Amino acid sequence: MDGDCIQEINSRLGRPTVSLAHYIRCSISEPLELFHTSGSCILTEMYSHTDILNVLKDWNGPQCSTLHIKRSSFSEEIIEALAGPLPDGSWICPNLTKLILSGYCEGMSNERSAQGALVNMIQARDALNNNTGLLPHGHPGHVISSLTRLTVDTNGRFRCYVEADYLEWLNTNLDSVRWGGWSGGNGEHCESESSTEERDSETNDSCEE
C-alpha cells in the first residue's frame, strides 16, 4: 500500500490510538503522518531502508516501545539513524525498549559490521539514558529509553558475528537477549550445545530468529 493511502485512512479515522500497526510491503518514500501512537510496530517485507526510516521517524509517541522488523531491510544506515540524534536534537524511536529482527533482514543478516553496529547503537542509547538520569518517558527531561529486550534470528538461519565481549555486555545490561542459539539477560547467559560446538570449531553460531 502507498504511504499516502495510509495517511488518508489514518486521517479519516481521526488519527486513533492503536495498540499495533503492521505495515506489509508498503511504499513510504517520504515522511508522513502515520499511526505513530501505536505501542507496537511490525514492518514486514519492506525492502527499502528509506521506507523503513520514514516509518520510524514518525513512530515517536510515548507508547511506541516494541519494534519488529520481519524479512525487511535493516541496514547500517538504519542502525546509525537509531544511534544518534537528528539535526533538531530529537531521536528516532525515543521510547523503543524491545527490538525483534526475524527472517532475512537485508544489510543485517550475515553482515559482520552491521551486527556490531547494532550492539553499538544499543550501547549508545543506554549510555545517554543513564547520563540523563534514567528518566521515564513522559518526564520533561526524558530523551530516550534504553533497550531492555532484544531478539535476533531465533530460527538459526544466519551466522552470528557478534564478538563475545559484545554478547557479555548484552547479557549484563539487558533483561532478555536471544541471538541465534545464544540467550541471556540479567547476567543469566546460556548457550545451546550445538552453538558451543560451532564456536569451538571457529565457525560461529548459527543465529536463530
N, C-alpha and C. Protein backbone atom coordinates (compact mmCIF):
# COMPACT_ATOMS: atom_id res chain seq x y z
N MET A 1 0.84 -1.19 0.00
CA MET A 1 0.00 0.00 0.00
C MET A 1 0.87 1.25 0.00
N ASP A 2 0.43 2.26 -0.70
CA ASP A 2 1.16 3.51 -0.76
C ASP A 2 0.99 4.29 0.53
N GLY A 3 2.06 4.99 0.92
CA GLY A 3 2.03 5.75 2.17
C GLY A 3 0.96 6.81 2.20
N ASP A 4 0.67 7.44 1.07
CA ASP A 4 -0.38 8.46 1.02
C ASP A 4 -1.73 7.87 1.39
N CYS A 5 -1.99 6.63 0.95
CA CYS A 5 -3.25 5.96 1.28
C CYS A 5 -3.34 5.70 2.78
N ILE A 6 -2.22 5.28 3.38
CA ILE A 6 -2.21 5.03 4.82
C ILE A 6 -2.48 6.32 5.58
N GLN A 7 -1.86 7.39 5.14
CA GLN A 7 -2.08 8.68 5.79
C GLN A 7 -3.53 9.13 5.67
N GLU A 8 -4.14 8.90 4.51
CA GLU A 8 -5.53 9.28 4.30
C GLU A 8 -6.46 8.46 5.19
N ILE A 9 -6.20 7.14 5.29
CA ILE A 9 -7.02 6.30 6.15
C ILE A 9 -6.91 6.75 7.60
N ASN A 10 -5.69 7.02 8.02
CA ASN A 10 -5.44 7.47 9.39
C ASN A 10 -6.20 8.77 9.66
N SER A 11 -6.17 9.69 8.71
CA SER A 11 -6.85 10.97 8.86
C SER A 11 -8.37 10.80 8.95
N ARG A 12 -8.92 9.96 8.07
CA ARG A 12 -10.37 9.75 8.05
C ARG A 12 -10.87 9.07 9.33
N LEU A 13 -9.99 8.28 9.95
CA LEU A 13 -10.35 7.63 11.22
C LEU A 13 -10.16 8.55 12.42
N GLY A 14 -9.70 9.76 12.16
CA GLY A 14 -9.48 10.70 13.25
C GLY A 14 -8.20 10.47 14.00
N ARG A 15 -7.22 9.86 13.34
CA ARG A 15 -5.92 9.56 13.93
C ARG A 15 -6.07 8.86 15.29
N PRO A 16 -6.65 7.66 15.27
CA PRO A 16 -6.89 6.95 16.54
C PRO A 16 -5.59 6.41 17.14
N THR A 17 -5.65 6.15 18.42
CA THR A 17 -4.55 5.47 19.10
C THR A 17 -4.74 3.97 18.91
N VAL A 18 -3.77 3.31 18.34
CA VAL A 18 -3.87 1.88 18.10
C VAL A 18 -2.76 1.17 18.86
N SER A 19 -3.02 -0.07 19.26
CA SER A 19 -2.02 -0.81 20.03
C SER A 19 -0.98 -1.46 19.13
N LEU A 20 -1.33 -1.68 17.85
CA LEU A 20 -0.41 -2.32 16.91
C LEU A 20 -0.60 -1.77 15.51
N ALA A 21 0.50 -1.39 14.87
CA ALA A 21 0.48 -1.00 13.47
C ALA A 21 1.38 -1.97 12.71
N HIS A 22 0.84 -2.63 11.69
CA HIS A 22 1.59 -3.62 10.92
C HIS A 22 1.60 -3.18 9.46
N TYR A 23 2.80 -2.82 8.98
CA TYR A 23 2.97 -2.38 7.60
C TYR A 23 3.60 -3.52 6.80
N ILE A 24 2.92 -3.95 5.73
CA ILE A 24 3.39 -5.06 4.90
C ILE A 24 3.59 -4.58 3.47
N ARG A 25 4.83 -4.65 3.01
CA ARG A 25 5.17 -4.26 1.63
C ARG A 25 4.62 -2.88 1.27
N CYS A 26 4.80 -1.94 2.18
CA CYS A 26 4.31 -0.57 1.96
C CYS A 26 5.40 0.30 1.34
N SER A 27 5.00 1.21 0.49
CA SER A 27 5.92 2.17 -0.10
C SER A 27 5.69 3.53 0.56
N ILE A 28 6.68 3.94 1.36
CA ILE A 28 6.56 5.21 2.10
C ILE A 28 7.83 5.99 1.80
N SER A 29 7.79 6.70 0.69
CA SER A 29 9.00 7.33 0.16
C SER A 29 9.31 8.68 0.78
N GLU A 30 8.40 9.20 1.61
CA GLU A 30 8.63 10.48 2.28
C GLU A 30 7.97 10.46 3.64
N PRO A 31 8.42 11.29 4.58
CA PRO A 31 7.82 11.31 5.91
C PRO A 31 6.33 11.66 5.84
N LEU A 32 5.52 10.88 6.53
CA LEU A 32 4.08 11.08 6.53
C LEU A 32 3.53 10.96 7.94
N GLU A 33 2.29 11.37 8.13
CA GLU A 33 1.60 11.23 9.41
C GLU A 33 0.96 9.85 9.45
N LEU A 34 1.62 8.89 10.10
CA LEU A 34 1.15 7.51 10.14
C LEU A 34 0.56 7.19 11.51
N PHE A 35 0.44 5.93 11.82
CA PHE A 35 -0.11 5.53 13.11
C PHE A 35 0.99 5.60 14.17
N HIS A 36 1.45 6.81 14.45
CA HIS A 36 2.64 6.98 15.28
C HIS A 36 2.38 6.79 16.77
N THR A 37 1.12 6.64 17.17
CA THR A 37 0.83 6.46 18.60
C THR A 37 0.72 4.98 18.98
N SER A 38 1.00 4.08 18.04
CA SER A 38 0.86 2.66 18.35
C SER A 38 1.93 2.19 19.34
N GLY A 39 1.55 1.22 20.18
CA GLY A 39 2.51 0.67 21.13
C GLY A 39 3.52 -0.23 20.46
N SER A 40 3.06 -0.99 19.46
CA SER A 40 3.93 -1.91 18.75
C SER A 40 3.85 -1.65 17.25
N CYS A 41 4.99 -1.87 16.57
CA CYS A 41 5.04 -1.67 15.12
C CYS A 41 5.76 -2.86 14.49
N ILE A 42 5.12 -3.45 13.47
CA ILE A 42 5.72 -4.55 12.72
C ILE A 42 5.92 -4.10 11.28
N LEU A 43 7.12 -4.28 10.77
CA LEU A 43 7.43 -3.94 9.38
C LEU A 43 7.82 -5.22 8.67
N THR A 44 6.98 -5.66 7.72
CA THR A 44 7.18 -6.93 7.04
C THR A 44 7.42 -6.73 5.55
N GLU A 45 8.50 -7.32 5.07
CA GLU A 45 8.85 -7.32 3.65
C GLU A 45 8.86 -5.90 3.07
N MET A 46 9.50 -5.01 3.80
CA MET A 46 9.74 -3.65 3.32
C MET A 46 11.23 -3.57 3.02
N TYR A 47 11.57 -3.59 1.74
CA TYR A 47 12.95 -3.81 1.33
C TYR A 47 13.77 -2.53 1.20
N SER A 48 13.12 -1.39 1.17
CA SER A 48 13.83 -0.12 1.05
C SER A 48 14.09 0.46 2.43
N HIS A 49 15.36 0.79 2.71
CA HIS A 49 15.65 1.40 4.01
C HIS A 49 15.00 2.77 4.13
N THR A 50 14.73 3.43 2.99
CA THR A 50 14.05 4.73 3.02
C THR A 50 12.63 4.57 3.54
N ASP A 51 11.91 3.55 3.06
CA ASP A 51 10.55 3.29 3.54
C ASP A 51 10.55 3.06 5.04
N ILE A 52 11.49 2.26 5.51
CA ILE A 52 11.55 1.94 6.94
C ILE A 52 11.89 3.17 7.77
N LEU A 53 12.86 3.93 7.33
CA LEU A 53 13.23 5.13 8.08
C LEU A 53 12.08 6.12 8.17
N ASN A 54 11.29 6.25 7.11
CA ASN A 54 10.17 7.18 7.13
C ASN A 54 9.09 6.73 8.10
N VAL A 55 8.93 5.43 8.28
CA VAL A 55 8.01 4.94 9.30
C VAL A 55 8.57 5.25 10.69
N LEU A 56 9.84 4.92 10.89
CA LEU A 56 10.44 5.08 12.21
C LEU A 56 10.52 6.54 12.64
N LYS A 57 10.73 7.44 11.70
CA LYS A 57 10.80 8.87 12.06
C LYS A 57 9.47 9.38 12.59
N ASP A 58 8.38 8.75 12.17
CA ASP A 58 7.06 9.18 12.63
C ASP A 58 6.60 8.39 13.86
N TRP A 59 7.30 7.33 14.18
CA TRP A 59 6.90 6.43 15.26
C TRP A 59 7.53 6.90 16.57
N ASN A 60 6.99 7.97 17.13
CA ASN A 60 7.66 8.63 18.25
C ASN A 60 6.75 8.92 19.43
N GLY A 61 5.57 8.31 19.47
CA GLY A 61 4.68 8.53 20.60
C GLY A 61 5.18 7.89 21.87
N PRO A 62 4.64 8.29 23.02
CA PRO A 62 5.11 7.76 24.31
C PRO A 62 4.87 6.28 24.50
N GLN A 63 3.93 5.70 23.72
CA GLN A 63 3.63 4.28 23.86
C GLN A 63 4.37 3.41 22.84
N CYS A 64 5.16 4.02 21.97
CA CYS A 64 5.83 3.28 20.89
C CYS A 64 7.08 2.60 21.43
N SER A 65 6.94 1.35 21.86
CA SER A 65 8.05 0.71 22.57
C SER A 65 8.56 -0.58 21.94
N THR A 66 7.74 -1.26 21.13
CA THR A 66 8.13 -2.56 20.58
C THR A 66 8.17 -2.49 19.06
N LEU A 67 9.35 -2.80 18.50
CA LEU A 67 9.55 -2.76 17.04
C LEU A 67 9.97 -4.14 16.55
N HIS A 68 9.24 -4.64 15.54
CA HIS A 68 9.54 -5.94 14.95
C HIS A 68 9.82 -5.75 13.47
N ILE A 69 11.06 -6.02 13.07
CA ILE A 69 11.47 -5.95 11.67
C ILE A 69 11.48 -7.38 11.14
N LYS A 70 10.65 -7.66 10.14
CA LYS A 70 10.46 -9.03 9.66
C LYS A 70 10.71 -9.12 8.15
N ARG A 71 11.74 -9.85 7.78
CA ARG A 71 12.09 -10.02 6.37
C ARG A 71 12.15 -8.67 5.66
N SER A 72 12.78 -7.72 6.28
CA SER A 72 12.88 -6.36 5.74
C SER A 72 14.30 -5.86 5.87
N SER A 73 14.58 -4.77 5.19
CA SER A 73 15.90 -4.17 5.28
C SER A 73 16.17 -3.68 6.70
N PHE A 74 17.38 -3.94 7.20
CA PHE A 74 17.83 -3.35 8.46
C PHE A 74 19.31 -3.07 8.31
N SER A 75 19.60 -2.09 7.47
CA SER A 75 20.96 -1.76 7.08
C SER A 75 21.66 -0.93 8.15
N GLU A 76 22.97 -0.76 7.96
CA GLU A 76 23.72 0.09 8.88
C GLU A 76 23.21 1.53 8.86
N GLU A 77 22.68 1.97 7.74
CA GLU A 77 22.12 3.33 7.68
C GLU A 77 20.95 3.48 8.65
N ILE A 78 20.11 2.46 8.73
CA ILE A 78 19.00 2.49 9.68
C ILE A 78 19.53 2.43 11.11
N ILE A 79 20.49 1.55 11.34
CA ILE A 79 21.06 1.40 12.68
C ILE A 79 21.71 2.70 13.14
N GLU A 80 22.46 3.34 12.26
CA GLU A 80 23.12 4.60 12.60
C GLU A 80 22.10 5.70 12.89
N ALA A 81 20.98 5.69 12.19
CA ALA A 81 19.94 6.68 12.44
C ALA A 81 19.34 6.50 13.84
N LEU A 82 19.30 5.27 14.32
CA LEU A 82 18.79 4.99 15.66
C LEU A 82 19.82 5.26 16.75
N ALA A 83 21.08 5.43 16.35
CA ALA A 83 22.18 5.53 17.32
C ALA A 83 22.50 6.96 17.74
N GLY A 84 21.89 7.94 17.09
CA GLY A 84 22.21 9.33 17.41
C GLY A 84 21.05 10.25 17.13
N PRO A 85 21.14 11.49 17.60
CA PRO A 85 20.04 12.43 17.41
C PRO A 85 19.94 12.96 15.98
N LEU A 86 18.74 13.39 15.63
CA LEU A 86 18.51 14.07 14.37
C LEU A 86 19.04 15.50 14.47
N PRO A 87 19.15 16.22 13.36
CA PRO A 87 19.66 17.60 13.41
C PRO A 87 18.93 18.52 14.41
N ASP A 88 17.64 18.25 14.65
CA ASP A 88 16.89 19.09 15.58
C ASP A 88 17.04 18.65 17.03
N GLY A 89 17.87 17.62 17.26
CA GLY A 89 18.12 17.15 18.61
C GLY A 89 17.21 16.02 19.07
N SER A 90 16.16 15.72 18.32
CA SER A 90 15.26 14.63 18.67
C SER A 90 15.85 13.29 18.23
N TRP A 91 15.28 12.22 18.72
CA TRP A 91 15.75 10.87 18.39
C TRP A 91 14.66 10.08 17.68
N ILE A 92 15.06 9.20 16.79
CA ILE A 92 14.12 8.27 16.17
C ILE A 92 13.77 7.18 17.19
N CYS A 93 12.50 6.87 17.29
CA CYS A 93 12.02 5.83 18.21
C CYS A 93 12.54 6.08 19.63
N PRO A 94 12.25 7.24 20.21
CA PRO A 94 12.84 7.56 21.51
C PRO A 94 12.39 6.65 22.65
N ASN A 95 11.26 5.97 22.50
CA ASN A 95 10.76 5.13 23.59
C ASN A 95 10.91 3.64 23.30
N LEU A 96 11.77 3.30 22.34
CA LEU A 96 11.99 1.91 21.98
C LEU A 96 12.66 1.15 23.13
N THR A 97 12.02 0.05 23.54
CA THR A 97 12.61 -0.79 24.59
C THR A 97 12.74 -2.25 24.16
N LYS A 98 12.02 -2.65 23.10
CA LYS A 98 12.08 -4.04 22.65
C LYS A 98 12.24 -4.08 21.14
N LEU A 99 13.28 -4.80 20.66
CA LEU A 99 13.56 -4.90 19.24
C LEU A 99 13.63 -6.37 18.83
N ILE A 100 12.90 -6.71 17.77
CA ILE A 100 12.88 -8.08 17.25
C ILE A 100 13.26 -8.04 15.77
N LEU A 101 14.23 -8.84 15.38
CA LEU A 101 14.63 -8.97 13.97
C LEU A 101 14.44 -10.42 13.58
N SER A 102 13.56 -10.68 12.60
CA SER A 102 13.29 -12.06 12.22
C SER A 102 13.28 -12.21 10.71
N GLY A 103 13.55 -13.42 10.24
CA GLY A 103 13.68 -13.65 8.82
C GLY A 103 14.96 -13.01 8.29
N TYR A 104 15.12 -13.05 6.98
CA TYR A 104 16.30 -12.45 6.38
C TYR A 104 16.13 -10.94 6.32
N CYS A 105 16.96 -10.23 7.05
CA CYS A 105 16.92 -8.77 7.08
C CYS A 105 18.12 -8.25 6.29
N GLU A 106 17.86 -7.75 5.09
CA GLU A 106 18.91 -7.30 4.20
C GLU A 106 19.78 -6.24 4.87
N GLY A 107 21.08 -6.41 4.77
CA GLY A 107 22.02 -5.47 5.38
C GLY A 107 22.39 -5.81 6.80
N MET A 108 21.69 -6.80 7.39
CA MET A 108 21.95 -7.19 8.78
C MET A 108 22.31 -8.67 8.89
N SER A 109 21.49 -9.53 8.34
CA SER A 109 21.75 -10.97 8.41
C SER A 109 23.05 -11.29 7.67
N ASN A 110 23.92 -12.03 8.34
CA ASN A 110 25.22 -12.43 7.77
C ASN A 110 26.15 -11.25 7.50
N GLU A 111 25.91 -10.11 8.11
CA GLU A 111 26.76 -8.93 7.92
C GLU A 111 27.48 -8.61 9.23
N ARG A 112 28.79 -8.85 9.27
CA ARG A 112 29.56 -8.64 10.49
C ARG A 112 29.50 -7.19 10.99
N SER A 113 29.74 -6.22 10.11
CA SER A 113 29.80 -4.83 10.54
C SER A 113 28.45 -4.33 11.03
N ALA A 114 27.36 -4.75 10.38
CA ALA A 114 26.03 -4.31 10.80
C ALA A 114 25.66 -4.90 12.16
N GLN A 115 26.04 -6.15 12.39
CA GLN A 115 25.73 -6.77 13.68
C GLN A 115 26.48 -6.06 14.81
N GLY A 116 27.73 -5.70 14.55
CA GLY A 116 28.47 -4.92 15.55
C GLY A 116 27.86 -3.55 15.76
N ALA A 117 27.42 -2.92 14.66
CA ALA A 117 26.80 -1.60 14.74
C ALA A 117 25.51 -1.64 15.56
N LEU A 118 24.78 -2.76 15.46
CA LEU A 118 23.55 -2.91 16.24
C LEU A 118 23.84 -2.85 17.73
N VAL A 119 24.86 -3.58 18.17
CA VAL A 119 25.21 -3.55 19.59
C VAL A 119 25.70 -2.15 19.99
N ASN A 120 26.49 -1.51 19.14
CA ASN A 120 26.95 -0.15 19.44
C ASN A 120 25.78 0.81 19.59
N MET A 121 24.76 0.65 18.75
CA MET A 121 23.58 1.50 18.84
C MET A 121 22.87 1.31 20.18
N ILE A 122 22.72 0.05 20.59
CA ILE A 122 22.06 -0.22 21.87
C ILE A 122 22.87 0.38 23.02
N GLN A 123 24.20 0.26 22.93
CA GLN A 123 25.06 0.83 23.97
C GLN A 123 24.96 2.35 24.01
N ALA A 124 24.90 3.00 22.85
CA ALA A 124 24.82 4.45 22.79
C ALA A 124 23.53 4.97 23.41
N ARG A 125 22.42 4.32 23.10
CA ARG A 125 21.14 4.74 23.67
C ARG A 125 21.11 4.50 25.17
N ASP A 126 21.70 3.40 25.60
CA ASP A 126 21.74 3.10 27.03
C ASP A 126 22.60 4.11 27.77
N ALA A 127 23.74 4.48 27.18
CA ALA A 127 24.64 5.45 27.83
C ALA A 127 23.95 6.80 27.99
N LEU A 128 23.25 7.25 26.95
CA LEU A 128 22.57 8.54 27.06
C LEU A 128 21.46 8.49 28.09
N ASN A 129 20.72 7.40 28.11
CA ASN A 129 19.65 7.27 29.10
C ASN A 129 20.20 7.31 30.51
N ASN A 130 21.33 6.64 30.73
CA ASN A 130 21.97 6.66 32.05
C ASN A 130 22.48 8.05 32.39
N ASN A 131 23.06 8.73 31.40
CA ASN A 131 23.62 10.06 31.64
C ASN A 131 22.54 11.10 31.95
N THR A 132 21.33 10.86 31.50
CA THR A 132 20.24 11.81 31.77
C THR A 132 19.39 11.39 32.97
N GLY A 133 19.87 10.41 33.72
CA GLY A 133 19.24 10.08 34.99
C GLY A 133 18.16 9.03 34.93
N LEU A 134 18.10 8.26 33.84
CA LEU A 134 17.11 7.18 33.70
C LEU A 134 15.69 7.68 33.89
N LEU A 135 15.41 8.85 33.35
CA LEU A 135 14.07 9.43 33.50
C LEU A 135 13.06 8.66 32.66
N PRO A 136 11.86 8.42 33.20
CA PRO A 136 10.85 7.67 32.45
C PRO A 136 10.25 8.53 31.34
N HIS A 137 9.73 7.87 30.27
CA HIS A 137 9.10 8.65 29.23
C HIS A 137 7.88 9.35 29.81
N GLY A 138 7.64 10.55 29.36
CA GLY A 138 6.62 11.40 29.95
C GLY A 138 7.21 12.47 30.84
N HIS A 139 8.40 12.22 31.37
CA HIS A 139 9.09 13.22 32.18
C HIS A 139 9.64 14.30 31.26
N PRO A 140 9.56 15.58 31.65
CA PRO A 140 10.05 16.66 30.78
C PRO A 140 11.50 16.51 30.36
N GLY A 141 12.31 15.86 31.17
CA GLY A 141 13.73 15.71 30.84
C GLY A 141 14.08 14.43 30.12
N HIS A 142 13.07 13.61 29.82
CA HIS A 142 13.34 12.33 29.15
C HIS A 142 13.77 12.56 27.71
N VAL A 143 14.83 11.86 27.29
CA VAL A 143 15.32 11.95 25.91
C VAL A 143 15.04 10.65 25.18
N ILE A 144 15.60 9.57 25.65
CA ILE A 144 15.35 8.24 25.06
C ILE A 144 15.31 7.20 26.17
N SER A 145 14.73 6.07 25.83
CA SER A 145 14.73 4.92 26.73
C SER A 145 15.83 3.95 26.32
N SER A 146 16.25 3.11 27.25
CA SER A 146 17.20 2.05 26.94
C SER A 146 16.45 0.83 26.41
N LEU A 147 17.08 0.10 25.48
CA LEU A 147 16.52 -1.18 25.08
C LEU A 147 16.71 -2.18 26.22
N THR A 148 15.66 -2.94 26.49
CA THR A 148 15.73 -3.94 27.55
C THR A 148 15.56 -5.36 27.03
N ARG A 149 15.03 -5.50 25.81
CA ARG A 149 14.79 -6.83 25.25
C ARG A 149 15.19 -6.85 23.78
N LEU A 150 15.98 -7.85 23.40
CA LEU A 150 16.46 -7.97 22.02
C LEU A 150 16.33 -9.42 21.56
N THR A 151 15.73 -9.60 20.38
CA THR A 151 15.61 -10.93 19.79
C THR A 151 16.08 -10.86 18.34
N VAL A 152 17.04 -11.71 17.99
CA VAL A 152 17.60 -11.72 16.63
C VAL A 152 17.63 -13.15 16.10
N ASP A 153 16.94 -13.40 14.99
CA ASP A 153 17.08 -14.64 14.23
C ASP A 153 16.94 -15.91 15.06
N THR A 154 15.78 -16.11 15.69
CA THR A 154 15.62 -17.25 16.59
C THR A 154 15.47 -18.59 15.85
N ASN A 155 15.35 -18.58 14.52
CA ASN A 155 15.28 -19.84 13.78
C ASN A 155 16.65 -20.37 13.37
N GLY A 156 17.70 -19.65 13.71
CA GLY A 156 19.05 -20.14 13.49
C GLY A 156 19.47 -20.25 12.04
N ARG A 157 19.04 -19.32 11.22
CA ARG A 157 19.35 -19.41 9.79
C ARG A 157 20.62 -18.67 9.38
N PHE A 158 21.06 -17.71 10.19
CA PHE A 158 22.14 -16.84 9.75
C PHE A 158 23.30 -16.86 10.72
N ARG A 159 24.44 -16.54 10.21
CA ARG A 159 25.66 -16.58 11.02
C ARG A 159 25.72 -15.38 11.97
N CYS A 160 26.09 -15.65 13.19
CA CYS A 160 26.23 -14.61 14.21
C CYS A 160 27.70 -14.21 14.31
N TYR A 161 27.99 -12.95 14.00
CA TYR A 161 29.37 -12.46 14.01
C TYR A 161 29.71 -11.64 15.26
N VAL A 162 28.77 -11.51 16.17
CA VAL A 162 28.99 -10.65 17.33
C VAL A 162 30.06 -11.22 18.25
N GLU A 163 31.01 -10.39 18.64
CA GLU A 163 32.11 -10.83 19.49
C GLU A 163 31.62 -11.16 20.90
N ALA A 164 32.38 -11.99 21.58
CA ALA A 164 31.99 -12.47 22.90
C ALA A 164 31.81 -11.32 23.90
N ASP A 165 32.65 -10.28 23.81
CA ASP A 165 32.52 -9.18 24.77
C ASP A 165 31.23 -8.39 24.53
N TYR A 166 30.79 -8.31 23.27
CA TYR A 166 29.52 -7.65 22.97
C TYR A 166 28.36 -8.47 23.55
N LEU A 167 28.42 -9.79 23.37
CA LEU A 167 27.38 -10.64 23.92
C LEU A 167 27.33 -10.55 25.44
N GLU A 168 28.50 -10.47 26.06
CA GLU A 168 28.54 -10.35 27.52
C GLU A 168 27.93 -9.04 27.98
N TRP A 169 28.17 -7.96 27.21
CA TRP A 169 27.56 -6.68 27.57
C TRP A 169 26.04 -6.77 27.48
N LEU A 170 25.54 -7.39 26.41
CA LEU A 170 24.09 -7.56 26.26
C LEU A 170 23.53 -8.41 27.40
N ASN A 171 24.25 -9.45 27.75
CA ASN A 171 23.82 -10.33 28.82
C ASN A 171 23.71 -9.58 30.14
N THR A 172 24.64 -8.68 30.38
CA THR A 172 24.68 -7.96 31.65
C THR A 172 23.69 -6.81 31.71
N ASN A 173 23.46 -6.14 30.57
CA ASN A 173 22.71 -4.88 30.59
C ASN A 173 21.27 -4.96 30.11
N LEU A 174 20.87 -6.04 29.46
CA LEU A 174 19.50 -6.19 29.01
C LEU A 174 18.76 -7.21 29.86
N ASP A 175 17.44 -7.08 29.93
CA ASP A 175 16.63 -8.02 30.68
C ASP A 175 16.53 -9.36 29.96
N SER A 176 16.49 -9.30 28.61
CA SER A 176 16.33 -10.53 27.84
C SER A 176 17.02 -10.37 26.49
N VAL A 177 17.83 -11.37 26.11
CA VAL A 177 18.51 -11.38 24.81
C VAL A 177 18.41 -12.78 24.22
N ARG A 178 18.02 -12.84 22.95
CA ARG A 178 18.09 -14.10 22.19
C ARG A 178 18.73 -13.78 20.86
N TRP A 179 19.85 -14.41 20.60
CA TRP A 179 20.56 -14.20 19.33
C TRP A 179 21.01 -15.55 18.82
N GLY A 180 20.24 -16.12 17.95
CA GLY A 180 20.52 -17.47 17.49
C GLY A 180 20.39 -18.46 18.63
N GLY A 181 21.37 -19.33 18.77
CA GLY A 181 21.37 -20.30 19.85
C GLY A 181 21.82 -19.72 21.18
N TRP A 182 22.15 -18.43 21.18
CA TRP A 182 22.64 -17.78 22.38
C TRP A 182 21.50 -17.03 23.06
N SER A 183 21.38 -17.15 24.35
CA SER A 183 20.36 -16.39 25.08
C SER A 183 20.92 -15.94 26.41
N GLY A 184 20.36 -14.87 26.92
CA GLY A 184 20.84 -14.34 28.19
C GLY A 184 19.97 -13.19 28.64
N GLY A 185 20.55 -12.37 29.48
CA GLY A 185 19.84 -11.26 30.08
C GLY A 185 19.89 -11.34 31.58
N ASN A 186 20.05 -10.18 32.23
CA ASN A 186 20.19 -10.14 33.68
C ASN A 186 21.34 -11.01 34.18
N GLY A 187 22.37 -11.14 33.32
CA GLY A 187 23.55 -11.91 33.71
C GLY A 187 23.36 -13.41 33.69
N GLU A 188 22.26 -13.90 33.09
CA GLU A 188 21.97 -15.33 33.11
C GLU A 188 22.10 -15.91 31.70
N HIS A 189 23.32 -15.97 31.19
CA HIS A 189 23.58 -16.46 29.84
C HIS A 189 23.52 -17.98 29.77
N CYS A 190 22.90 -18.48 28.69
CA CYS A 190 23.00 -19.90 28.38
C CYS A 190 23.14 -20.03 26.88
N GLU A 191 23.75 -21.11 26.44
CA GLU A 191 24.01 -21.32 25.02
C GLU A 191 23.75 -22.77 24.69
N SER A 192 23.13 -23.00 23.54
CA SER A 192 22.83 -24.36 23.14
C SER A 192 24.11 -25.14 22.91
N GLU A 193 24.06 -26.45 23.06
CA GLU A 193 25.24 -27.30 22.87
C GLU A 193 25.79 -27.18 21.46
N SER A 194 24.88 -27.13 20.48
CA SER A 194 25.33 -27.03 19.09
C SER A 194 26.04 -25.72 18.84
N SER A 195 25.57 -24.63 19.48
CA SER A 195 26.22 -23.34 19.30
C SER A 195 27.61 -23.34 19.90
N THR A 196 27.74 -23.99 21.06
CA THR A 196 29.05 -24.06 21.71
C THR A 196 30.03 -24.82 20.85
N GLU A 197 29.57 -25.93 20.26
CA GLU A 197 30.45 -26.71 19.41
C GLU A 197 30.89 -25.91 18.20
N GLU A 198 29.99 -25.11 17.63
CA GLU A 198 30.34 -24.30 16.47
C GLU A 198 31.37 -23.24 16.83
N ARG A 199 31.23 -22.62 18.02
CA ARG A 199 32.21 -21.63 18.44
C ARG A 199 33.58 -22.28 18.60
N ASP A 200 33.58 -23.48 19.20
CA ASP A 200 34.85 -24.16 19.42
C ASP A 200 35.55 -24.48 18.11
N SER A 201 34.78 -24.73 17.05
CA SER A 201 35.37 -25.03 15.75
C SER A 201 35.56 -23.79 14.91
N GLU A 202 35.32 -22.62 15.51
CA GLU A 202 35.53 -21.32 14.88
C GLU A 202 34.69 -21.12 13.61
N THR A 203 33.48 -21.68 13.65
CA THR A 203 32.55 -21.43 12.55
C THR A 203 31.45 -20.47 12.96
N ASN A 204 31.43 -20.05 14.23
CA ASN A 204 30.44 -19.14 14.78
C ASN A 204 29.07 -19.79 14.90
N ASP A 205 28.24 -19.15 15.71
CA ASP A 205 26.87 -19.64 15.91
C ASP A 205 26.03 -19.43 14.67
N SER A 206 25.11 -20.32 14.46
CA SER A 206 24.01 -20.01 13.56
C SER A 206 23.05 -19.16 14.38
N CYS A 207 22.56 -18.09 13.79
CA CYS A 207 21.69 -17.20 14.55
C CYS A 207 20.26 -17.61 14.39
N GLU A 208 19.54 -17.78 15.51
CA GLU A 208 18.13 -18.11 15.49
C GLU A 208 17.30 -16.88 15.25
N GLU A 209 16.01 -17.06 15.09
CA GLU A 209 15.15 -15.92 14.92
C GLU A 209 14.27 -15.71 16.09
